[in-house]
Amino acid sequence: MKILYTLVAVVTSEQIIKNINVPSCRNCVHYKPPYYSDYSSSVSKCNKFGTKDVITDNIVYTDYADMCRRNEDNCGNEGKYFEPDKNVGFKIFIHQIVCNLPNILLLTTLVVQLLSIIKLFI
């Protein structure tokens, strides 16, 4: 009987995935991940939309990527301002280095200290 239920489940199950044909923000040239979190974080910003301070000329990107996708006046669900980033793999690689820089520096310091201690005993 379990085999029959499994067979029926396999035959009748079709995946229905919403937004499967919509481009992802993480692959866009305007996508700016935070330096302190994962590349595909919910606190990532969109560099397409921002506000300019009229006194200092500084542009502040205050819009989160997910909020831009929810707002049809901005990019909207369809991603109307989406531009594919040709270097997204390199961008993710650099992001991983920057995020892990404190750990890399700490590990390097520990290795140098360990090597200096070992050198004293040789």
C-alpha atoms as a PDB file:
ATOM      1  CA  MET A   1       0.000   0.000   0.000  1.00  0.00           C
ATOM      2  CA  LYS A   2       2.892   2.375   0.781  1.00  0.00           C
ATOM      3  CA  ILE A   3       4.310   1.730  -2.669  1.00  0.00           C
ATOM      4  CA  LEU A   4       0.973   2.688  -4.235  1.00  0.00           C
ATOM      5  CA  TYR A   5       0.877   5.993  -2.295  1.00  0.00           C
ATOM      6  CA  THR A   6       4.464   6.744  -3.294  1.00  0.00           C
ATOM      7  CA  LEU A   7       3.723   5.976  -6.946  1.00  0.00           C
ATOM      8  CA  VAL A   8       0.627   8.200  -6.919  1.00  0.00           C
ATOM      9  CA  ALA A   9       2.578  11.011  -5.245  1.00  0.00           C
ATOM     10  CA  VAL A  10       5.353  10.832  -7.842  1.00  0.00           C
ATOM     11  CA  VAL A  11       2.960  10.723 -10.798  1.00  0.00           C
ATOM     12  CA  THR A  12       0.726  13.559  -9.597  1.00  0.00           C
ATOM     13  CA  SER A  13       3.398  15.863  -8.178  1.00  0.00           C
ATOM     14  CA  GLU A  14       4.379  18.758 -10.391  1.00  0.00           C
ATOM     15  CA  GLN A  15       6.524  21.541  -9.123  1.00  0.00           C
ATOM     16  CA  ILE A  16       4.890  24.916  -9.125  1.00  0.00           C
ATOM     17  CA  ILE A  17       7.487  27.556  -8.411  1.00  0.00           C
ATOM     18  CA  LYS A  18       6.431  31.165  -8.447  1.00  0.00           C
ATOM     19  CA  ASN A  19       8.735  33.728 -10.078  1.00  0.00           C
ATOM     20  CA  ILE A  20      10.861  31.028 -11.732  1.00  0.00           C
ATOM     21  CA  ASN A  21      11.340  33.157 -14.861  1.00  0.00           C
ATOM     22  CA  VAL A  22      12.022  36.405 -12.987  1.00  0.00           C
ATOM     23  CA  PRO A  23      15.692  37.500 -12.780  1.00  0.00           C
ATOM     24  CA  SER A  24      17.352  37.466  -9.359  1.00  0.00           C
ATOM     25  CA  CYS A  25      18.664  40.671  -7.826  1.00  0.00           C
ATOM     26  CA  ARG A  26      21.921  38.965  -6.828  1.00  0.00           C
ATOM     27  CA  ASN A  27      22.808  38.662 -10.523  1.00  0.00           C
ATOM     28  CA  CYS A  28      22.201  42.354 -11.274  1.00  0.00           C
ATOM     29  CA  VAL A  29      24.857  45.064 -11.673  1.00  0.00           C
ATOM     30  CA  HIS A  30      22.910  47.308  -9.264  1.00  0.00           C
ATOM     31  CA  TYR A  31      22.949  44.739  -6.427  1.00  0.00           C
ATOM     32  CA  LYS A  32      25.087  45.747  -3.422  1.00  0.00           C
ATOM     33  CA  PRO A  33      25.498  43.135  -0.691  1.00  0.00           C
ATOM     34  CA  PRO A  34      26.329  44.208   2.878  1.00  0.00           C
ATOM     35  CA  TYR A  35      29.931  43.783   3.984  1.00  0.00           C
ATOM     36  CA  TYR A  36      28.972  42.033   7.208  1.00  0.00           C
ATOM     37  CA  SER A  37      26.578  39.351   5.954  1.00  0.00           C
ATOM     38  CA  ASP A  38      26.014  36.727   3.272  1.00  0.00           C
ATOM     39  CA  TYR A  39      26.060  37.775  -0.363  1.00  0.00           C
ATOM     40  CA  SER A  40      22.360  36.965  -0.808  1.00  0.00           C
ATOM     41  CA  SER A  41      21.226  38.743   2.336  1.00  0.00           C
ATOM     42  CA  SER A  42      17.865  40.377   2.933  1.00  0.00           C
ATOM     43  CA  VAL A  43      19.653  43.598   3.908  1.00  0.00           C
ATOM     44  CA  SER A  44      21.295  44.026   0.495  1.00  0.00           C
ATOM     45  CA  LYS A  45      20.796  47.379  -1.191  1.00  0.00           C
ATOM     46  CA  CYS A  46      19.912  48.395  -4.734  1.00  0.00           C
ATOM     47  CA  ASN A  47      22.269  50.967  -6.236  1.00  0.00           C
ATOM     48  CA  LYS A  48      19.758  51.901  -8.915  1.00  0.00           C
ATOM     49  CA  PHE A  49      17.620  53.905  -6.485  1.00  0.00           C
ATOM     50  CA  GLY A  50      18.948  56.374  -3.951  1.00  0.00           C
ATOM     51  CA  THR A  51      18.633  59.852  -2.526  1.00  0.00           C
ATOM     52  CA  LYS A  52      21.099  62.688  -3.039  1.00  0.00           C
ATOM     53  CA  ASP A  53      21.850  65.046  -0.176  1.00  0.00           C
ATOM     54  CA  VAL A  54      21.536  68.499  -1.746  1.00  0.00           C
ATOM     55  CA  ILE A  55      24.015  70.020   0.723  1.00  0.00           C
ATOM     56  CA  THR A  56      26.878  67.505   0.534  1.00  0.00           C
ATOM     57  CA  ASP A  57      26.182  65.849  -2.860  1.00  0.00           C
ATOM     58  CA  ASN A  58      26.454  62.455  -1.152  1.00  0.00           C
ATOM     59  CA  ILE A  59      24.172  59.784  -2.585  1.00  0.00           C
ATOM     60  CA  VAL A  60      22.653  57.450  -0.038  1.00  0.00           C
ATOM     61  CA  TYR A  61      21.278  54.139  -1.223  1.00  0.00           C
ATOM     62  CA  THR A  62      18.521  53.586   1.282  1.00  0.00           C
ATOM     63  CA  ASP A  63      16.358  51.148  -0.668  1.00  0.00           C
ATOM     64  CA  TYR A  64      16.770  47.468   0.110  1.00  0.00           C
ATOM     65  CA  ALA A  65      16.754  45.187  -2.919  1.00  0.00           C
ATOM     66  CA  ASP A  66      13.696  43.255  -1.771  1.00  0.00           C
ATOM     67  CA  MET A  67      11.743  46.473  -1.205  1.00  0.00           C
ATOM     68  CA  CYS A  68      12.621  47.684  -4.715  1.00  0.00           C
ATOM     69  CA  ARG A  69      11.269  44.422  -6.100  1.00  0.00           C
ATOM     70  CA  ARG A  70       8.021  44.798  -4.138  1.00  0.00           C
ATOM     71  CA  ASN A  71       7.497  48.383  -5.315  1.00  0.00           C
ATOM     72  CA  GLU A  72       6.221  48.610  -8.897  1.00  0.00           C
ATOM     73  CA  ASP A  73       7.419  52.233  -9.108  1.00  0.00           C
ATOM     74  CA  ASN A  74      10.972  50.952  -8.673  1.00  0.00           C
ATOM     75  CA  CYS A  75      12.055  47.648 -10.211  1.00  0.00           C
ATOM     76  CA  GLY A  76       8.902  45.707  -9.452  1.00  0.00           C
ATOM     77  CA  ASN A  77       8.434  41.969  -9.299  1.00  0.00           C
ATOM     78  CA  GLU A  78       9.422  41.529 -12.945  1.00  0.00           C
ATOM     79  CA  GLY A  79      12.759  43.349 -12.453  1.00  0.00           C
ATOM     80  CA  LYS A  80      12.249  45.976 -15.148  1.00  0.00           C
ATOM     81  CA  TYR A  81      15.645  47.653 -14.455  1.00  0.00           C
ATOM     82  CA  PHE A  82      17.550  44.372 -14.193  1.00  0.00           C
ATOM     83  CA  GLU A  83      20.938  44.403 -15.920  1.00  0.00           C
ATOM     84  CA  PRO A  84      22.902  41.142 -15.807  1.00  0.00           C
ATOM     85  CA  ASP A  85      26.273  41.314 -14.095  1.00  0.00           C
ATOM     86  CA  LYS A  86      28.914  39.506 -16.136  1.00  0.00           C
ATOM     87  CA  ASN A  87      31.303  39.336 -13.165  1.00  0.00           C
ATOM     88  CA  VAL A  88      28.921  38.030 -10.503  1.00  0.00           C
ATOM     89  CA  GLY A  89      31.220  35.077  -9.686  1.00  0.00           C
ATOM     90  CA  PHE A  90      34.163  37.398  -9.055  1.00  0.00           C
ATOM     91  CA  LYS A  91      31.922  39.757  -7.063  1.00  0.00           C
ATOM     92  CA  ILE A  92      30.865  36.875  -4.790  1.00  0.00           C
ATOM     93  CA  PHE A  93      34.501  35.777  -4.385  1.00  0.00           C
ATOM     94  CA  ILE A  94      35.631  39.278  -3.327  1.00  0.00           C
ATOM     95  CA  HIS A  95      32.637  39.554  -0.999  1.00  0.00           C
ATOM     96  CA  GLN A  96      33.636  36.311   0.737  1.00  0.00           C
ATOM     97  CA  ILE A  97      37.182  37.612   1.246  1.00  0.00           C
ATOM     98  CA  VAL A  98      35.975  40.937   2.657  1.00  0.00           C
ATOM     99  CA  CYS A  99      33.478  39.223   4.986  1.00  0.00           C
ATOM    100  CA  ASN A 100      36.109  36.819   6.274  1.00  0.00           C
ATOM    101  CA  LEU A 101      38.971  39.318   6.476  1.00  0.00           C
ATOM    102  CA  PRO A 102      38.957  39.503  10.305  1.00  0.00           C
ATOM    103  CA  ASN A 103      39.153  35.711  10.503  1.00  0.00           C
ATOM    104  CA  ILE A 104      41.915  35.594   7.884  1.00  0.00           C
ATOM    105  CA  LEU A 105      43.962  38.197   9.773  1.00  0.00           C
ATOM    106  CA  LEU A 106      43.477  36.383  13.074  1.00  0.00           C
ATOM    107  CA  LEU A 107      44.468  33.039  11.587  1.00  0.00           C
ATOM    108  CA  THR A 108      47.519  34.561   9.902  1.00  0.00           C
ATOM    109  CA  THR A 109      48.619  36.133  13.189  1.00  0.00           C
ATOM    110  CA  LEU A 110      48.214  32.839  15.015  1.00  0.00           C
ATOM    111  CA  VAL A 111      50.209  30.954  12.377  1.00  0.00           C
ATOM    112  CA  VAL A 112      53.033  33.521  12.498  1.00  0.00           C
ATOM    113  CA  GLN A 113      53.116  33.313  16.293  1.00  0.00           C
ATOM    114  CA  LEU A 114      53.115  29.517  16.165  1.00  0.00           C
ATOM    115  CA  LEU A 115      55.975  29.516  13.668  1.00  0.00           C
ATOM    116  CA  SER A 116      58.002  31.882  15.858  1.00  0.00           C
ATOM    117  CA  ILE A 117      57.453  29.611  18.885  1.00  0.00           C
ATOM    118  CA  ILE A 118      58.483  26.548  16.893  1.00  0.00           C
ATOM    119  CA  LYS A 119      61.589  28.409  15.654  1.00  0.00           C
ATOM    120  CA  LEU A 120      62.664  28.987  19.281  1.00  0.00           C
ATOM    121  CA  PHE A 121      62.703  25.240  19.961  1.00  0.00           C
ATOM    122  CA  ILE A 122      64.625  24.319  16.823  1.00  0.00           C
END
